[in-house]
Amino acid sequence: MTDYFSQIPHPALAAIIIIAIFPLIKLSGLVETYRQDHHDAFHYGLTLFSVVFIGIEVGLAIGLLSHLLFSYRQFATPQLLTTLSQTTASPQQTALFCQILGALNFMHSTALLAQLMEQVDAVDVTLLVIDGHQLTALDTTAMSRLEPVLRHYQQQGIRCYIDHVSPTVSQKLAQHAIGQLLSNDPAFISTFRPINTATSHH
């Protein structure tokens, strides 16, 4: 549409462009960007300078080209992340994260619990986290089969969590005996608190 701009008087065209781009320019954002990443701030400032003093089309092209060249340079020279000097890390506990996809009912609860017990028995687990974000439904039979398993793990000193559950599943758990089992341990306070996030652990 550059050809149509030539028919508009230059002062009017300049006023239109300034009014259009002025809300998009935030100098405070440049300062914040500089604090987070100096390279992004450099490209931001270069693009702004080029647009103001050279032209919109050329300025945007310069900003885009500089960003592409810098990104290519970063990809061409990868950095290896290693351990920091004079630091040590040691695991305090073995955690097992699992997620139930779909409904947990009497039809497949036995097979699912068998898989869960196999995973727990394979390693020395001290923390079991069951992510219920994708758990769409839960019936009484499944809860009755899950309760003795969690009670057994609790007696072995394994801390168990059922987290990210929907309000419906949360209400069913609270009304069942499994809810009383989990509520006896302060570690399960957050079990029945619905968390509306997409975070999942496998």
N, C-alpha and C. Protein backbone atom coordinates (compact mmCIF):
# COMPACT_ATOMS: atom_id res chain seq x y z
N MET A 1 0.82 -1.21 0.00
CA MET A 1 0.00 0.00 0.00
C MET A 1 0.86 1.26 0.00
N THR A 2 2.16 1.10 -0.19
CA THR A 2 3.04 2.27 -0.18
C THR A 2 2.69 3.24 -1.29
N ASP A 3 2.23 2.74 -2.45
CA ASP A 3 1.89 3.62 -3.57
C ASP A 3 0.74 4.55 -3.23
N TYR A 4 -0.18 4.10 -2.41
CA TYR A 4 -1.32 4.95 -2.04
C TYR A 4 -0.89 6.05 -1.07
N PHE A 5 0.18 5.81 -0.31
CA PHE A 5 0.63 6.82 0.64
C PHE A 5 1.16 8.07 -0.07
N SER A 6 1.63 7.91 -1.30
CA SER A 6 2.20 9.06 -2.02
C SER A 6 1.14 10.10 -2.33
N GLN A 7 -0.13 9.71 -2.31
CA GLN A 7 -1.20 10.66 -2.60
C GLN A 7 -1.61 11.47 -1.37
N ILE A 8 -1.11 11.09 -0.22
CA ILE A 8 -1.45 11.80 1.02
C ILE A 8 -0.35 12.82 1.30
N PRO A 9 -0.71 14.04 1.68
CA PRO A 9 0.32 15.04 2.04
C PRO A 9 1.24 14.50 3.13
N HIS A 10 2.53 14.80 2.99
CA HIS A 10 3.52 14.26 3.91
C HIS A 10 3.25 14.62 5.37
N PRO A 11 2.87 15.85 5.70
CA PRO A 11 2.58 16.15 7.11
C PRO A 11 1.44 15.30 7.66
N ALA A 12 0.38 15.12 6.84
CA ALA A 12 -0.74 14.30 7.30
C ALA A 12 -0.33 12.84 7.45
N LEU A 13 0.50 12.36 6.50
CA LEU A 13 0.97 10.98 6.59
C LEU A 13 1.84 10.77 7.83
N ALA A 14 2.70 11.73 8.11
CA ALA A 14 3.55 11.63 9.30
C ALA A 14 2.72 11.61 10.57
N ALA A 15 1.68 12.46 10.61
CA ALA A 15 0.82 12.50 11.79
C ALA A 15 0.09 11.17 11.98
N ILE A 16 -0.37 10.58 10.87
CA ILE A 16 -1.07 9.29 10.95
C ILE A 16 -0.15 8.21 11.49
N ILE A 17 1.08 8.19 10.98
CA ILE A 17 2.03 7.15 11.40
C ILE A 17 2.40 7.32 12.86
N ILE A 18 2.64 8.56 13.28
CA ILE A 18 3.02 8.81 14.67
C ILE A 18 1.90 8.41 15.62
N ILE A 19 0.66 8.78 15.27
CA ILE A 19 -0.48 8.43 16.12
C ILE A 19 -0.67 6.92 16.18
N ALA A 20 -0.39 6.24 15.05
CA ALA A 20 -0.61 4.80 14.99
C ALA A 20 0.42 4.02 15.81
N ILE A 21 1.68 4.46 15.77
CA ILE A 21 2.73 3.68 16.43
C ILE A 21 3.06 4.18 17.83
N PHE A 22 2.58 5.37 18.18
CA PHE A 22 2.93 5.91 19.50
C PHE A 22 2.47 5.01 20.65
N PRO A 23 1.25 4.42 20.61
CA PRO A 23 0.87 3.53 21.72
C PRO A 23 1.71 2.26 21.79
N LEU A 24 2.36 1.89 20.68
CA LEU A 24 3.15 0.67 20.66
C LEU A 24 4.54 0.85 21.24
N ILE A 25 4.98 2.09 21.37
CA ILE A 25 6.33 2.37 21.85
C ILE A 25 6.27 2.64 23.36
N LYS A 26 6.92 1.78 24.13
CA LYS A 26 6.97 1.94 25.58
C LYS A 26 8.43 1.91 26.01
N LEU A 27 8.94 3.08 26.32
CA LEU A 27 10.34 3.16 26.74
C LEU A 27 10.58 2.43 28.05
N SER A 28 9.57 2.38 28.90
CA SER A 28 9.73 1.64 30.16
C SER A 28 9.94 0.16 29.88
N GLY A 29 9.31 -0.33 28.80
CA GLY A 29 9.51 -1.72 28.42
C GLY A 29 10.93 -1.99 27.97
N LEU A 30 11.56 -0.98 27.37
CA LEU A 30 12.95 -1.14 26.95
C LEU A 30 13.87 -1.30 28.15
N VAL A 31 13.61 -0.54 29.21
CA VAL A 31 14.42 -0.65 30.42
C VAL A 31 14.24 -2.03 31.06
N GLU A 32 13.01 -2.50 31.13
CA GLU A 32 12.75 -3.81 31.71
C GLU A 32 13.37 -4.92 30.87
N THR A 33 13.27 -4.77 29.55
CA THR A 33 13.88 -5.76 28.67
C THR A 33 15.39 -5.78 28.84
N TYR A 34 16.00 -4.61 29.02
CA TYR A 34 17.45 -4.55 29.21
C TYR A 34 17.88 -5.27 30.49
N ARG A 35 17.06 -5.18 31.51
CA ARG A 35 17.39 -5.86 32.76
C ARG A 35 17.31 -7.38 32.61
N GLN A 36 16.38 -7.85 31.76
CA GLN A 36 16.20 -9.28 31.60
C GLN A 36 17.15 -9.87 30.56
N ASP A 37 17.32 -9.19 29.44
CA ASP A 37 18.17 -9.71 28.37
C ASP A 37 18.74 -8.54 27.58
N HIS A 38 20.06 -8.36 27.64
CA HIS A 38 20.69 -7.24 26.96
C HIS A 38 20.54 -7.35 25.44
N HIS A 39 20.58 -8.57 24.92
CA HIS A 39 20.50 -8.75 23.47
C HIS A 39 19.13 -8.35 22.93
N ASP A 40 18.05 -8.75 23.62
CA ASP A 40 16.72 -8.34 23.19
C ASP A 40 16.56 -6.83 23.24
N ALA A 41 17.13 -6.22 24.26
CA ALA A 41 17.06 -4.76 24.36
C ALA A 41 17.82 -4.09 23.22
N PHE A 42 18.93 -4.69 22.82
CA PHE A 42 19.70 -4.13 21.70
C PHE A 42 18.88 -4.17 20.42
N HIS A 43 18.23 -5.30 20.13
CA HIS A 43 17.42 -5.41 18.91
C HIS A 43 16.21 -4.48 18.98
N TYR A 44 15.65 -4.35 20.16
CA TYR A 44 14.52 -3.44 20.36
C TYR A 44 14.94 -2.00 20.06
N GLY A 45 16.05 -1.59 20.64
CA GLY A 45 16.53 -0.23 20.42
C GLY A 45 16.96 0.02 18.99
N LEU A 46 17.61 -0.98 18.37
CA LEU A 46 18.04 -0.83 16.98
C LEU A 46 16.84 -0.68 16.05
N THR A 47 15.81 -1.48 16.29
CA THR A 47 14.61 -1.39 15.46
C THR A 47 13.92 -0.05 15.64
N LEU A 48 13.80 0.41 16.88
CA LEU A 48 13.17 1.70 17.14
C LEU A 48 13.95 2.84 16.51
N PHE A 49 15.27 2.82 16.64
CA PHE A 49 16.10 3.86 16.05
C PHE A 49 15.98 3.87 14.53
N SER A 50 15.99 2.68 13.92
CA SER A 50 15.92 2.59 12.46
C SER A 50 14.57 3.04 11.94
N VAL A 51 13.50 2.69 12.65
CA VAL A 51 12.16 3.10 12.21
C VAL A 51 12.00 4.61 12.28
N VAL A 52 12.51 5.22 13.34
CA VAL A 52 12.34 6.66 13.52
C VAL A 52 13.19 7.47 12.55
N PHE A 53 14.44 7.07 12.34
CA PHE A 53 15.37 7.90 11.58
C PHE A 53 15.58 7.42 10.14
N ILE A 54 15.19 6.20 9.81
CA ILE A 54 15.37 5.72 8.44
C ILE A 54 14.04 5.50 7.74
N GLY A 55 13.11 4.85 8.40
CA GLY A 55 11.81 4.56 7.80
C GLY A 55 11.23 3.29 8.39
N ILE A 56 9.92 3.18 8.27
CA ILE A 56 9.25 2.03 8.88
C ILE A 56 9.68 0.73 8.22
N GLU A 57 9.59 0.66 6.88
CA GLU A 57 9.89 -0.59 6.19
C GLU A 57 11.35 -0.99 6.37
N VAL A 58 12.25 -0.04 6.16
CA VAL A 58 13.68 -0.34 6.29
C VAL A 58 14.02 -0.63 7.75
N GLY A 59 13.43 0.11 8.68
CA GLY A 59 13.71 -0.10 10.09
C GLY A 59 13.29 -1.47 10.57
N LEU A 60 12.07 -1.89 10.17
CA LEU A 60 11.62 -3.22 10.55
C LEU A 60 12.49 -4.31 9.92
N ALA A 61 12.92 -4.08 8.68
CA ALA A 61 13.79 -5.05 8.01
C ALA A 61 15.13 -5.16 8.73
N ILE A 62 15.68 -4.02 9.16
CA ILE A 62 16.96 -4.04 9.89
C ILE A 62 16.81 -4.78 11.22
N GLY A 63 15.73 -4.49 11.94
CA GLY A 63 15.51 -5.17 13.21
C GLY A 63 15.34 -6.67 13.06
N LEU A 64 14.57 -7.07 12.04
CA LEU A 64 14.36 -8.50 11.80
C LEU A 64 15.64 -9.19 11.38
N LEU A 65 16.41 -8.54 10.49
CA LEU A 65 17.66 -9.13 10.02
C LEU A 65 18.67 -9.28 11.16
N SER A 66 18.77 -8.26 12.01
CA SER A 66 19.72 -8.35 13.12
C SER A 66 19.34 -9.46 14.09
N HIS A 67 18.05 -9.61 14.33
CA HIS A 67 17.60 -10.67 15.24
C HIS A 67 17.87 -12.05 14.64
N LEU A 68 17.64 -12.22 13.33
CA LEU A 68 17.90 -13.51 12.69
C LEU A 68 19.38 -13.85 12.70
N LEU A 69 20.22 -12.86 12.43
CA LEU A 69 21.67 -13.11 12.43
C LEU A 69 22.16 -13.48 13.83
N PHE A 70 21.66 -12.79 14.84
CA PHE A 70 22.07 -13.11 16.20
C PHE A 70 21.58 -14.49 16.62
N SER A 71 20.33 -14.84 16.23
CA SER A 71 19.81 -16.17 16.57
C SER A 71 20.62 -17.26 15.88
N TYR A 72 21.00 -17.01 14.62
CA TYR A 72 21.82 -17.99 13.90
C TYR A 72 23.17 -18.16 14.59
N ARG A 73 23.74 -17.08 15.06
CA ARG A 73 25.03 -17.16 15.76
C ARG A 73 24.90 -17.96 17.06
N GLN A 74 23.78 -17.78 17.76
CA GLN A 74 23.58 -18.53 18.99
C GLN A 74 23.44 -20.03 18.72
N PHE A 75 22.67 -20.37 17.68
CA PHE A 75 22.48 -21.78 17.35
C PHE A 75 23.76 -22.41 16.82
N ALA A 76 24.60 -21.61 16.16
CA ALA A 76 25.83 -22.15 15.59
C ALA A 76 26.90 -22.38 16.65
N THR A 77 26.77 -21.72 17.79
CA THR A 77 27.75 -21.88 18.87
C THR A 77 27.03 -22.30 20.15
N PRO A 78 26.64 -23.56 20.26
CA PRO A 78 25.90 -24.00 21.44
C PRO A 78 26.75 -23.95 22.70
N GLN A 79 26.09 -23.73 23.81
CA GLN A 79 26.75 -23.68 25.11
C GLN A 79 26.40 -24.93 25.91
N LEU A 80 27.37 -25.47 26.59
CA LEU A 80 27.16 -26.66 27.40
C LEU A 80 26.96 -26.25 28.86
N LEU A 81 25.85 -26.65 29.42
CA LEU A 81 25.54 -26.33 30.81
C LEU A 81 26.09 -27.44 31.70
N THR A 82 26.99 -27.10 32.58
CA THR A 82 27.60 -28.09 33.47
C THR A 82 27.33 -27.69 34.91
N THR A 83 27.87 -28.48 35.82
CA THR A 83 27.69 -28.18 37.23
C THR A 83 28.53 -26.98 37.63
N LEU A 84 28.04 -26.25 38.60
CA LEU A 84 28.78 -25.11 39.11
C LEU A 84 29.92 -25.60 39.99
N SER A 85 30.97 -24.84 40.01
CA SER A 85 32.12 -25.23 40.82
C SER A 85 31.80 -25.14 42.30
N GLN A 86 32.39 -26.06 43.06
CA GLN A 86 32.24 -26.09 44.52
C GLN A 86 30.78 -26.26 44.95
N THR A 87 30.02 -27.04 44.18
CA THR A 87 28.64 -27.34 44.56
C THR A 87 28.43 -28.84 44.49
N THR A 88 27.56 -29.33 45.33
CA THR A 88 27.22 -30.75 45.34
C THR A 88 25.70 -30.87 45.43
N ALA A 89 25.19 -31.96 44.87
CA ALA A 89 23.74 -32.22 44.90
C ALA A 89 23.52 -33.67 45.25
N SER A 90 22.60 -33.91 46.14
CA SER A 90 22.29 -35.28 46.54
C SER A 90 20.78 -35.40 46.71
N PRO A 91 20.17 -36.48 46.18
CA PRO A 91 18.72 -36.64 46.30
C PRO A 91 18.32 -36.94 47.74
N GLN A 92 17.26 -36.30 48.19
CA GLN A 92 16.76 -36.52 49.54
C GLN A 92 15.68 -37.59 49.57
N GLN A 93 14.99 -37.78 48.46
CA GLN A 93 13.94 -38.78 48.41
C GLN A 93 13.69 -39.16 46.96
N THR A 94 13.11 -40.32 46.78
CA THR A 94 12.77 -40.80 45.44
C THR A 94 11.29 -40.58 45.22
N ALA A 95 10.96 -39.77 44.24
CA ALA A 95 9.57 -39.43 43.95
C ALA A 95 9.12 -40.10 42.67
N LEU A 96 7.89 -40.55 42.66
CA LEU A 96 7.27 -41.14 41.48
C LEU A 96 6.06 -40.31 41.11
N PHE A 97 6.07 -39.76 39.90
CA PHE A 97 4.97 -38.96 39.40
C PHE A 97 4.23 -39.78 38.34
N CYS A 98 2.93 -39.85 38.46
CA CYS A 98 2.13 -40.55 37.46
C CYS A 98 0.85 -39.76 37.22
N GLN A 99 0.23 -40.03 36.09
CA GLN A 99 -0.97 -39.30 35.70
C GLN A 99 -2.02 -40.28 35.19
N ILE A 100 -3.25 -40.08 35.61
CA ILE A 100 -4.36 -40.92 35.16
C ILE A 100 -5.08 -40.17 34.05
N LEU A 101 -5.13 -40.78 32.88
CA LEU A 101 -5.77 -40.17 31.72
C LEU A 101 -7.16 -40.78 31.54
N GLY A 102 -8.19 -39.96 31.63
CA GLY A 102 -9.54 -40.45 31.44
C GLY A 102 -10.22 -40.77 32.75
N ALA A 103 -11.19 -41.69 32.69
CA ALA A 103 -11.97 -42.06 33.87
C ALA A 103 -11.36 -43.27 34.55
N LEU A 104 -11.48 -43.31 35.86
CA LEU A 104 -11.03 -44.44 36.65
C LEU A 104 -12.27 -45.11 37.24
N ASN A 105 -12.66 -46.26 36.67
CA ASN A 105 -13.86 -46.95 37.12
C ASN A 105 -13.58 -48.43 37.34
N PHE A 106 -14.63 -49.18 37.65
CA PHE A 106 -14.46 -50.59 38.00
C PHE A 106 -13.94 -51.43 36.85
N MET A 107 -14.07 -50.96 35.60
CA MET A 107 -13.68 -51.77 34.45
C MET A 107 -12.17 -51.94 34.35
N HIS A 108 -11.41 -50.92 34.66
CA HIS A 108 -9.96 -51.00 34.48
C HIS A 108 -9.17 -50.54 35.71
N SER A 109 -9.83 -50.37 36.84
CA SER A 109 -9.11 -49.91 38.02
C SER A 109 -8.11 -50.96 38.51
N THR A 110 -8.46 -52.25 38.39
CA THR A 110 -7.55 -53.31 38.84
C THR A 110 -6.27 -53.30 38.04
N ALA A 111 -6.40 -53.20 36.72
CA ALA A 111 -5.21 -53.19 35.87
C ALA A 111 -4.37 -51.95 36.12
N LEU A 112 -5.02 -50.80 36.33
CA LEU A 112 -4.27 -49.56 36.56
C LEU A 112 -3.52 -49.61 37.89
N LEU A 113 -4.18 -50.13 38.93
CA LEU A 113 -3.51 -50.22 40.23
C LEU A 113 -2.36 -51.22 40.18
N ALA A 114 -2.50 -52.27 39.38
CA ALA A 114 -1.40 -53.22 39.23
C ALA A 114 -0.19 -52.55 38.59
N GLN A 115 -0.44 -51.69 37.60
CA GLN A 115 0.67 -50.95 36.98
C GLN A 115 1.29 -49.98 37.98
N LEU A 116 0.45 -49.34 38.77
CA LEU A 116 0.96 -48.39 39.76
C LEU A 116 1.84 -49.10 40.79
N MET A 117 1.38 -50.24 41.30
CA MET A 117 2.14 -50.98 42.30
C MET A 117 3.45 -51.51 41.72
N GLU A 118 3.41 -51.88 40.45
CA GLU A 118 4.64 -52.36 39.80
C GLU A 118 5.67 -51.25 39.71
N GLN A 119 5.21 -50.03 39.40
CA GLN A 119 6.13 -48.90 39.31
C GLN A 119 6.69 -48.54 40.68
N VAL A 120 5.85 -48.58 41.71
CA VAL A 120 6.31 -48.22 43.05
C VAL A 120 7.29 -49.25 43.59
N ASP A 121 7.00 -50.52 43.34
CA ASP A 121 7.87 -51.58 43.86
C ASP A 121 9.19 -51.67 43.10
N ALA A 122 9.25 -51.09 41.91
CA ALA A 122 10.47 -51.19 41.10
C ALA A 122 11.60 -50.35 41.67
N VAL A 123 11.26 -49.26 42.36
CA VAL A 123 12.28 -48.38 42.93
C VAL A 123 11.94 -48.11 44.39
N ASP A 124 12.88 -47.52 45.08
CA ASP A 124 12.69 -47.19 46.49
C ASP A 124 11.97 -45.84 46.58
N VAL A 125 10.65 -45.87 46.49
CA VAL A 125 9.84 -44.66 46.44
C VAL A 125 9.54 -44.18 47.85
N THR A 126 9.73 -42.91 48.07
CA THR A 126 9.32 -42.29 49.34
C THR A 126 8.23 -41.25 49.15
N LEU A 127 7.94 -40.90 47.89
CA LEU A 127 6.91 -39.91 47.59
C LEU A 127 6.18 -40.33 46.33
N LEU A 128 4.87 -40.46 46.42
CA LEU A 128 4.03 -40.84 45.29
C LEU A 128 3.05 -39.71 45.00
N VAL A 129 3.10 -39.18 43.79
CA VAL A 129 2.22 -38.08 43.38
C VAL A 129 1.38 -38.56 42.21
N ILE A 130 0.08 -38.60 42.39
CA ILE A 130 -0.85 -38.97 41.32
C ILE A 130 -1.50 -37.69 40.82
N ASP A 131 -1.23 -37.35 39.57
CA ASP A 131 -1.77 -36.13 38.97
C ASP A 131 -3.16 -36.44 38.43
N GLY A 132 -4.18 -35.82 39.01
CA GLY A 132 -5.55 -36.05 38.58
C GLY A 132 -6.10 -34.99 37.66
N HIS A 133 -5.21 -34.25 36.99
CA HIS A 133 -5.69 -33.17 36.12
C HIS A 133 -6.54 -33.72 34.98
N GLN A 134 -6.17 -34.90 34.45
CA GLN A 134 -6.91 -35.51 33.35
C GLN A 134 -7.88 -36.58 33.83
N LEU A 135 -8.07 -36.70 35.14
CA LEU A 135 -9.00 -37.68 35.69
C LEU A 135 -10.42 -37.14 35.57
N THR A 136 -11.18 -37.67 34.61
CA THR A 136 -12.50 -37.12 34.29
C THR A 136 -13.60 -37.65 35.19
N ALA A 137 -13.45 -38.89 35.67
CA ALA A 137 -14.49 -39.48 36.51
C ALA A 137 -13.87 -40.52 37.43
N LEU A 138 -14.56 -40.79 38.54
CA LEU A 138 -14.07 -41.74 39.53
C LEU A 138 -15.27 -42.36 40.23
N ASP A 139 -15.38 -43.70 40.18
CA ASP A 139 -16.53 -44.35 40.81
C ASP A 139 -16.14 -44.98 42.14
N THR A 140 -17.16 -45.49 42.85
CA THR A 140 -16.95 -46.02 44.19
C THR A 140 -16.06 -47.26 44.19
N THR A 141 -16.22 -48.12 43.20
CA THR A 141 -15.40 -49.33 43.13
C THR A 141 -13.93 -49.00 43.00
N ALA A 142 -13.61 -48.06 42.15
CA ALA A 142 -12.21 -47.67 41.96
C ALA A 142 -11.64 -47.08 43.24
N MET A 143 -12.43 -46.26 43.93
CA MET A 143 -11.93 -45.68 45.18
C MET A 143 -11.73 -46.75 46.25
N SER A 144 -12.64 -47.75 46.28
CA SER A 144 -12.50 -48.83 47.26
C SER A 144 -11.26 -49.67 46.99
N ARG A 145 -10.86 -49.77 45.75
CA ARG A 145 -9.64 -50.51 45.41
C ARG A 145 -8.39 -49.66 45.62
N LEU A 146 -8.54 -48.36 45.48
CA LEU A 146 -7.39 -47.47 45.65
C LEU A 146 -7.06 -47.25 47.13
N GLU A 147 -8.08 -47.27 47.98
CA GLU A 147 -7.86 -46.96 49.40
C GLU A 147 -6.88 -47.90 50.08
N PRO A 148 -7.03 -49.24 49.98
CA PRO A 148 -6.07 -50.12 50.66
C PRO A 148 -4.65 -49.99 50.12
N VAL A 149 -4.53 -49.66 48.84
CA VAL A 149 -3.20 -49.48 48.26
C VAL A 149 -2.51 -48.28 48.89
N LEU A 150 -3.22 -47.15 48.97
CA LEU A 150 -2.63 -45.96 49.57
C LEU A 150 -2.39 -46.16 51.07
N ARG A 151 -3.30 -46.90 51.73
CA ARG A 151 -3.11 -47.16 53.17
C ARG A 151 -1.86 -48.01 53.39
N HIS A 152 -1.65 -48.98 52.51
CA HIS A 152 -0.46 -49.83 52.61
C HIS A 152 0.80 -49.00 52.42
N TYR A 153 0.78 -48.12 51.43
CA TYR A 153 1.96 -47.27 51.20
C TYR A 153 2.18 -46.31 52.36
N GLN A 154 1.08 -45.82 52.92
CA GLN A 154 1.21 -44.90 54.05
C GLN A 154 1.85 -45.60 55.25
N GLN A 155 1.51 -46.84 55.47
CA GLN A 155 2.10 -47.60 56.57
C GLN A 155 3.59 -47.88 56.33
N GLN A 156 3.98 -47.91 55.06
CA GLN A 156 5.38 -48.11 54.71
C GLN A 156 6.19 -46.82 54.75
N GLY A 157 5.53 -45.72 55.07
CA GLY A 157 6.23 -44.43 55.13
C GLY A 157 6.30 -43.69 53.82
N ILE A 158 5.49 -44.11 52.85
CA ILE A 158 5.46 -43.43 51.55
C ILE A 158 4.39 -42.35 51.59
N ARG A 159 4.78 -41.14 51.32
CA ARG A 159 3.82 -40.02 51.30
C ARG A 159 3.14 -40.00 49.94
N CYS A 160 1.81 -39.93 49.95
CA CYS A 160 1.02 -40.01 48.72
C CYS A 160 0.21 -38.73 48.53
N TYR A 161 0.17 -38.27 47.30
CA TYR A 161 -0.61 -37.09 46.95
C TYR A 161 -1.53 -37.44 45.78
N ILE A 162 -2.74 -36.92 45.81
CA ILE A 162 -3.62 -36.92 44.64
C ILE A 162 -3.95 -35.46 44.38
N ASP A 163 -3.35 -34.91 43.36
CA ASP A 163 -3.43 -33.47 43.17
C ASP A 163 -4.02 -33.12 41.81
N HIS A 164 -4.34 -31.84 41.63
CA HIS A 164 -4.87 -31.31 40.37
C HIS A 164 -6.20 -31.97 40.00
N VAL A 165 -7.04 -32.24 40.97
CA VAL A 165 -8.31 -32.91 40.69
C VAL A 165 -9.40 -31.87 40.45
N SER A 166 -10.42 -32.29 39.72
CA SER A 166 -11.55 -31.41 39.45
C SER A 166 -12.44 -31.33 40.69
N PRO A 167 -13.32 -30.33 40.77
CA PRO A 167 -14.21 -30.23 41.93
C PRO A 167 -15.09 -31.45 42.12
N THR A 168 -15.54 -32.06 41.00
CA THR A 168 -16.39 -33.25 41.10
C THR A 168 -15.65 -34.42 41.72
N VAL A 169 -14.45 -34.68 41.21
CA VAL A 169 -13.63 -35.77 41.75
C VAL A 169 -13.23 -35.46 43.19
N SER A 170 -12.95 -34.21 43.47
CA SER A 170 -12.57 -33.82 44.83
C SER A 170 -13.68 -34.10 45.82
N GLN A 171 -14.91 -33.81 45.42
CA GLN A 171 -16.05 -34.06 46.30
C GLN A 171 -16.25 -35.55 46.56
N LYS A 172 -16.08 -36.36 45.51
CA LYS A 172 -16.23 -37.81 45.68
C LYS A 172 -15.15 -38.37 46.61
N LEU A 173 -13.93 -37.90 46.45
CA LEU A 173 -12.85 -38.36 47.32
C LEU A 173 -13.10 -37.98 48.77
N ALA A 174 -13.59 -36.77 48.99
CA ALA A 174 -13.83 -36.30 50.35
C ALA A 174 -14.94 -37.08 51.04
N GLN A 175 -15.94 -37.53 50.26
CA GLN A 175 -17.06 -38.26 50.84
C GLN A 175 -16.76 -39.73 51.06
N HIS A 176 -15.70 -40.24 50.44
CA HIS A 176 -15.34 -41.65 50.57
C HIS A 176 -14.37 -41.83 51.74
N ALA A 177 -14.19 -43.09 52.14
CA ALA A 177 -13.25 -43.39 53.23
C ALA A 177 -11.83 -43.01 52.87
N ILE A 178 -11.53 -42.99 51.59
CA ILE A 178 -10.18 -42.61 51.16
C ILE A 178 -9.90 -41.16 51.51
N GLY A 179 -10.95 -40.35 51.54
CA GLY A 179 -10.77 -38.96 51.94
C GLY A 179 -10.36 -38.84 53.39
N GLN A 180 -10.97 -39.67 54.26
CA GLN A 180 -10.59 -39.68 55.67
C GLN A 180 -9.16 -40.17 55.84
N LEU A 181 -8.76 -41.12 55.02
CA LEU A 181 -7.39 -41.64 55.09
C LEU A 181 -6.39 -40.56 54.75
N LEU A 182 -6.65 -39.82 53.70
CA LEU A 182 -5.71 -38.79 53.27
C LEU A 182 -5.73 -37.60 54.21
N SER A 183 -6.90 -37.27 54.75
CA SER A 183 -7.00 -36.08 55.60
C SER A 183 -6.32 -36.29 56.94
N ASN A 184 -6.00 -37.54 57.30
CA ASN A 184 -5.31 -37.79 58.57
C ASN A 184 -3.87 -37.32 58.54
N ASP A 185 -3.33 -37.15 57.37
CA ASP A 185 -1.93 -36.75 57.22
C ASP A 185 -1.90 -35.29 56.78
N PRO A 186 -1.19 -34.40 57.51
CA PRO A 186 -1.10 -32.99 57.10
C PRO A 186 -0.53 -32.82 55.70
N ALA A 187 0.18 -33.83 55.21
CA ALA A 187 0.77 -33.71 53.88
C ALA A 187 -0.29 -33.69 52.80
N PHE A 188 -1.52 -34.09 53.13
CA PHE A 188 -2.56 -34.19 52.12
C PHE A 188 -3.54 -33.02 52.18
N ILE A 189 -3.15 -31.96 52.84
CA ILE A 189 -4.04 -30.80 52.95
C ILE A 189 -4.39 -30.26 51.57
N SER A 190 -3.42 -30.24 50.66
CA SER A 190 -3.65 -29.67 49.33
C SER A 190 -4.28 -30.67 48.37
N THR A 191 -4.58 -31.89 48.83
CA THR A 191 -5.09 -32.91 47.92
C THR A 191 -6.41 -32.51 47.30
N PHE A 192 -7.33 -31.99 48.11
CA PHE A 192 -8.66 -31.71 47.62
C PHE A 192 -8.85 -30.25 47.23
N ARG A 193 -7.75 -29.56 47.05
CA ARG A 193 -7.85 -28.16 46.60
C ARG A 193 -7.70 -28.14 45.08
N PRO A 194 -8.78 -27.87 44.32
CA PRO A 194 -8.68 -27.88 42.86
C PRO A 194 -7.68 -26.86 42.38
N ILE A 195 -6.82 -27.27 41.48
CA ILE A 195 -5.80 -26.39 40.91
C ILE A 195 -6.05 -26.31 39.42
N ASN A 196 -6.42 -25.16 38.92
CA ASN A 196 -6.74 -24.99 37.50
C ASN A 196 -5.50 -24.64 36.71
N THR A 197 -4.62 -25.59 36.54
CA THR A 197 -3.43 -25.40 35.73
C THR A 197 -3.30 -26.55 34.78
N ALA A 198 -2.47 -26.34 33.74
CA ALA A 198 -2.24 -27.39 32.75
C ALA A 198 -0.99 -28.17 33.05
N THR A 199 -0.40 -27.98 34.20
CA THR A 199 0.84 -28.66 34.52
C THR A 199 0.56 -30.13 34.77
N SER A 200 1.39 -30.98 34.22
CA SER A 200 1.25 -32.41 34.42
C SER A 200 2.60 -33.05 34.54
N HIS A 201 2.69 -34.15 35.28
CA HIS A 201 3.93 -34.88 35.46
C HIS A 201 3.71 -36.30 34.97
N HIS A 202 4.70 -36.83 34.33
CA HIS A 202 4.62 -38.20 33.83
C HIS A 202 5.66 -39.04 34.54
